[in-house]
Amino acid sequence: MTHVQPLTLEEFEQLVDHSAGARPPGIVRNSERTMARRPEILRAFSALARTVFTTGTVAAELKNLVALVASEAAGCRYCQAHRVSAALGQGTSADRIAAAWSFETSDLFGEDERAALRYAQAAGVVPNAVTPEHVASLRRFFDDGEIVELTGVIATMGFLNRWNDSLATELEDEPASIAEELVAPLGWEAGKHGSAGDTVYRGPPAHGEGGADRV
């Protein structure tokens, strides 16, 4: 059970106008509804997430997969489920999403993607396991600005991983169902995040609408 109850949808709606558009359209997550108990935190984090996931030159699909692998390394099942849902909603194939759990050996990833996912995996664990070799591998495919982008994704997910695991945020039905279908056979389970039947989830974004920036 969650340690801090999210605001009700009605309470949350009353704060949206005061949060400078903190809530992206189409979805209300329990992580947002909890963060909204301090709207200034929700506003600041949402701005960071939008910037990290929607600007720069690294492909949106790779950013989503990096976020997924970093969350897998950190152990946050809530964030894993949401990254699986977001990736699927953006058009990533179910096969590639599932293969992210075995990216080193899967032929569905190129060497550039493996370098990025390897970096995400090493950066997601505690203590941090990034080595000069990880960075040297990245530099074969990404410039300094793109390495900053990738690190921004991992660091942003680090905030969410700590937030949702510390508060045992309850997982909404829709992302839970998607994760159960796609990655439960690989060992994913909701665990302490359970399933919150009374939460509001309006579905993943349609392909082409974005969604990787969602809190």
Protein backbone atom coordinates (compact mmCIF):
# COMPACT_ATOMS: atom_id res chain seq x y z
CA MET A 1 0.00 0.00 0.00
CA THR A 2 1.21 3.47 -0.85
CA HIS A 3 2.76 5.44 2.01
CA VAL A 4 1.25 8.79 0.94
CA GLN A 5 -2.20 8.82 -0.63
CA PRO A 6 -2.45 10.61 -3.98
CA LEU A 7 -4.81 13.54 -4.23
CA THR A 8 -8.23 12.68 -5.55
CA LEU A 9 -8.80 13.54 -9.19
CA GLU A 10 -11.01 16.45 -8.12
CA GLU A 11 -8.32 17.82 -5.80
CA PHE A 12 -5.73 17.41 -8.51
CA GLU A 13 -7.86 19.19 -11.11
CA GLN A 14 -8.15 22.20 -8.82
CA LEU A 15 -4.35 22.50 -8.79
CA VAL A 16 -3.65 22.06 -12.49
CA ASP A 17 -4.14 25.71 -13.42
CA HIS A 18 -1.77 26.68 -10.63
CA SER A 19 0.88 24.22 -11.81
CA ALA A 20 1.65 25.94 -15.13
CA GLY A 21 0.48 23.00 -17.20
CA ALA A 22 2.34 20.45 -15.09
CA ARG A 23 -0.03 17.69 -16.16
CA PRO A 24 0.47 16.54 -19.76
CA PRO A 25 -2.77 15.90 -21.65
CA GLY A 26 -4.46 12.52 -21.59
CA ILE A 27 -3.20 10.92 -18.43
CA VAL A 28 -3.24 11.30 -14.67
CA ARG A 29 -0.72 9.14 -12.86
CA ASN A 30 -0.60 8.38 -9.18
CA SER A 31 2.96 9.71 -9.09
CA GLU A 32 1.63 13.08 -10.30
CA ARG A 33 -1.29 13.04 -7.91
CA THR A 34 1.06 12.44 -4.99
CA MET A 35 3.63 15.00 -6.17
CA ALA A 36 0.81 17.53 -6.51
CA ARG A 37 0.58 17.75 -2.72
CA ARG A 38 3.39 20.22 -3.35
CA PRO A 39 2.42 21.70 -6.75
CA GLU A 40 5.71 23.55 -7.07
CA ILE A 41 7.56 20.22 -7.07
CA LEU A 42 5.22 18.79 -9.70
CA ARG A 43 5.60 21.92 -11.82
CA ALA A 44 9.40 21.92 -11.63
CA PHE A 45 9.80 18.22 -12.26
CA SER A 46 7.34 18.18 -15.16
CA ALA A 47 9.25 20.99 -16.84
CA LEU A 48 12.49 19.06 -16.44
CA ALA A 49 10.98 15.84 -17.79
CA ARG A 50 9.51 17.56 -20.84
CA THR A 51 12.84 19.19 -21.62
CA VAL A 52 14.85 16.00 -21.18
CA PHE A 53 12.57 13.79 -23.25
CA THR A 54 11.46 16.15 -26.03
CA THR A 55 14.56 18.18 -26.93
CA GLY A 56 17.93 17.27 -28.42
CA THR A 57 19.01 14.86 -31.15
CA VAL A 58 18.84 11.42 -29.52
CA ALA A 59 15.92 9.42 -30.93
CA ALA A 60 12.82 9.39 -28.73
CA GLU A 61 12.60 5.60 -28.98
CA LEU A 62 16.13 5.18 -27.65
CA LYS A 63 15.43 7.60 -24.80
CA ASN A 64 12.44 5.51 -23.79
CA LEU A 65 14.47 2.30 -23.88
CA VAL A 66 17.26 3.95 -21.89
CA ALA A 67 14.66 5.03 -19.31
CA LEU A 68 13.33 1.47 -19.17
CA VAL A 69 16.73 -0.15 -18.70
CA ALA A 70 17.77 2.42 -16.08
CA SER A 71 14.55 1.73 -14.16
CA GLU A 72 15.10 -2.00 -14.47
CA ALA A 73 18.59 -1.58 -13.04
CA ALA A 74 17.24 0.57 -10.19
CA GLY A 75 14.51 -1.98 -9.50
CA CYS A 76 11.48 0.33 -9.72
CA ARG A 77 8.62 -1.80 -11.05
CA TYR A 78 6.25 1.18 -11.23
CA CYS A 79 8.58 3.07 -13.57
CA GLN A 80 9.31 -0.04 -15.61
CA ALA A 81 5.60 -0.53 -16.27
CA HIS A 82 5.14 3.08 -17.33
CA ARG A 83 8.17 3.04 -19.62
CA VAL A 84 6.90 -0.17 -21.26
CA SER A 85 3.51 1.50 -21.77
CA ALA A 86 5.06 4.73 -23.10
CA ALA A 87 7.37 2.87 -25.48
CA LEU A 88 4.50 0.81 -26.86
CA GLY A 89 2.37 3.93 -27.24
CA GLN A 90 5.14 5.63 -29.22
CA GLY A 91 5.35 2.76 -31.67
CA THR A 92 8.21 0.64 -30.32
CA SER A 93 7.54 -3.00 -31.11
CA ALA A 94 6.61 -5.39 -28.33
CA ASP A 95 9.57 -7.54 -29.35
CA ARG A 96 12.07 -4.71 -28.89
CA ILE A 97 10.55 -3.74 -25.55
CA ALA A 98 10.82 -7.29 -24.25
CA ALA A 99 14.33 -7.62 -25.69
CA ALA A 100 15.49 -4.63 -23.61
CA TRP A 101 15.88 -7.11 -20.75
CA SER A 102 18.52 -8.93 -22.82
CA PHE A 103 19.87 -6.12 -25.00
CA GLU A 104 23.45 -7.42 -24.93
CA THR A 105 22.57 -10.55 -26.87
CA SER A 106 19.48 -9.50 -28.82
CA ASP A 107 19.90 -8.93 -32.56
CA LEU A 108 17.09 -6.35 -32.38
CA PHE A 109 19.56 -3.70 -31.22
CA GLY A 110 22.46 -2.05 -33.00
CA GLU A 111 25.84 -1.42 -31.42
CA ASP A 112 24.97 2.23 -30.79
CA GLU A 113 21.83 1.22 -28.90
CA ARG A 114 23.71 -1.40 -26.92
CA ALA A 115 26.28 1.21 -25.88
CA ALA A 116 23.51 3.51 -24.65
CA LEU A 117 21.61 0.75 -22.85
CA ARG A 118 24.82 -0.57 -21.27
CA TYR A 119 25.50 2.94 -19.96
CA ALA A 120 21.93 3.18 -18.62
CA GLN A 121 22.25 -0.14 -16.84
CA ALA A 122 25.53 0.83 -15.18
CA ALA A 123 24.25 4.28 -14.24
CA GLY A 124 20.98 2.95 -12.81
CA VAL A 125 22.49 0.78 -10.10
CA VAL A 126 23.71 1.88 -6.66
CA PRO A 127 26.57 2.35 -6.25
CA ASN A 128 27.00 3.76 -9.72
CA ALA A 129 28.89 1.34 -11.98
CA VAL A 130 29.77 3.59 -14.93
CA THR A 131 33.38 3.14 -16.04
CA PRO A 132 35.58 5.01 -18.54
CA GLU A 133 34.96 2.08 -20.88
CA HIS A 134 31.22 2.77 -20.86
CA VAL A 135 31.84 6.37 -21.84
CA ALA A 136 34.41 5.43 -24.48
CA SER A 137 31.86 3.08 -26.02
CA LEU A 138 29.27 5.87 -26.06
CA ARG A 139 31.69 8.23 -27.80
CA ARG A 140 31.86 5.90 -30.79
CA PHE A 141 28.26 6.84 -31.60
CA PHE A 142 27.24 9.94 -29.63
CA ASP A 143 28.68 13.42 -29.23
CA ASP A 144 29.02 15.20 -25.88
CA GLY A 145 25.62 16.85 -26.16
CA GLU A 146 23.95 13.51 -26.81
CA ILE A 147 25.77 11.92 -23.87
CA VAL A 148 24.38 14.74 -21.74
CA GLU A 149 20.90 13.94 -23.13
CA LEU A 150 21.22 10.26 -22.27
CA THR A 151 22.52 11.09 -18.80
CA GLY A 152 19.61 13.50 -18.36
CA VAL A 153 17.16 10.68 -19.12
CA ILE A 154 18.83 8.37 -16.61
CA ALA A 155 19.00 11.06 -13.92
CA THR A 156 15.36 12.04 -14.46
CA MET A 157 14.33 8.43 -14.11
CA GLY A 158 16.50 8.22 -10.98
CA PHE A 159 14.25 10.86 -9.39
CA LEU A 160 11.13 8.90 -10.35
CA ASN A 161 12.64 5.56 -9.32
CA ARG A 162 13.39 6.90 -5.84
CA TRP A 163 10.06 8.73 -5.62
CA ASN A 164 7.86 5.82 -6.57
CA ASP A 165 9.78 3.09 -4.77
CA SER A 166 10.07 5.13 -1.56
CA LEU A 167 6.35 5.95 -1.53
CA ALA A 168 5.28 2.54 -2.90
CA THR A 169 3.16 4.34 -5.50
CA GLU A 170 0.22 2.19 -6.55
CA LEU A 171 0.36 1.18 -10.20
CA GLU A 172 -2.60 2.05 -12.40
CA ASP A 173 -4.51 -0.71 -14.14
CA GLU A 174 -3.62 0.08 -17.74
CA PRO A 175 0.21 0.16 -17.50
CA ALA A 176 0.03 -2.80 -15.14
CA SER A 177 -1.91 -4.79 -17.75
CA ILE A 178 0.52 -3.85 -20.51
CA ALA A 179 3.52 -4.82 -18.39
CA GLU A 180 1.85 -8.09 -17.38
CA GLU A 181 1.36 -8.97 -21.04
CA LEU A 182 4.74 -7.91 -22.37
CA VAL A 183 7.33 -8.36 -19.64
CA ALA A 184 5.87 -10.44 -16.80
CA PRO A 185 7.19 -13.57 -18.58
CA LEU A 186 10.67 -12.03 -18.16
CA GLY A 187 10.26 -11.66 -14.41
CA TRP A 188 8.44 -8.33 -14.02
CA GLU A 189 5.82 -8.12 -11.31
CA ALA A 190 4.06 -5.20 -9.67
CA GLY A 191 5.28 -6.13 -6.20
CA LYS A 192 4.64 -3.42 -3.60
CA HIS A 193 3.13 -1.16 -6.26
CA GLY A 194 0.14 -3.44 -6.53
CA SER A 195 -2.83 -2.44 -8.68
CA ALA A 196 -4.97 0.58 -7.91
CA GLY A 197 -8.38 -0.08 -9.32
CA ASP A 198 -9.76 3.38 -8.55
CA THR A 199 -7.08 5.40 -10.32
CA VAL A 200 -7.62 7.32 -13.53
CA TYR A 201 -5.62 6.34 -16.59
CA ARG A 202 -6.61 7.54 -20.02
CA GLY A 203 -4.36 5.26 -22.03
CA PRO A 204 -0.94 5.58 -23.65
CA PRO A 205 -0.48 8.28 -26.29
CA ALA A 206 -1.22 7.41 -29.88
CA HIS A 207 1.83 6.83 -32.06
CA GLY A 208 3.33 10.18 -32.95
CA GLU A 209 1.90 12.12 -30.00
CA GLY A 210 4.98 11.82 -27.84
CA GLY A 211 4.51 10.72 -24.25
CA ALA A 212 8.06 10.02 -23.13
CA ASP A 213 8.02 13.25 -21.15
CA ARG A 214 5.12 12.24 -18.96
CA VAL A 215 5.74 12.20 -15.22
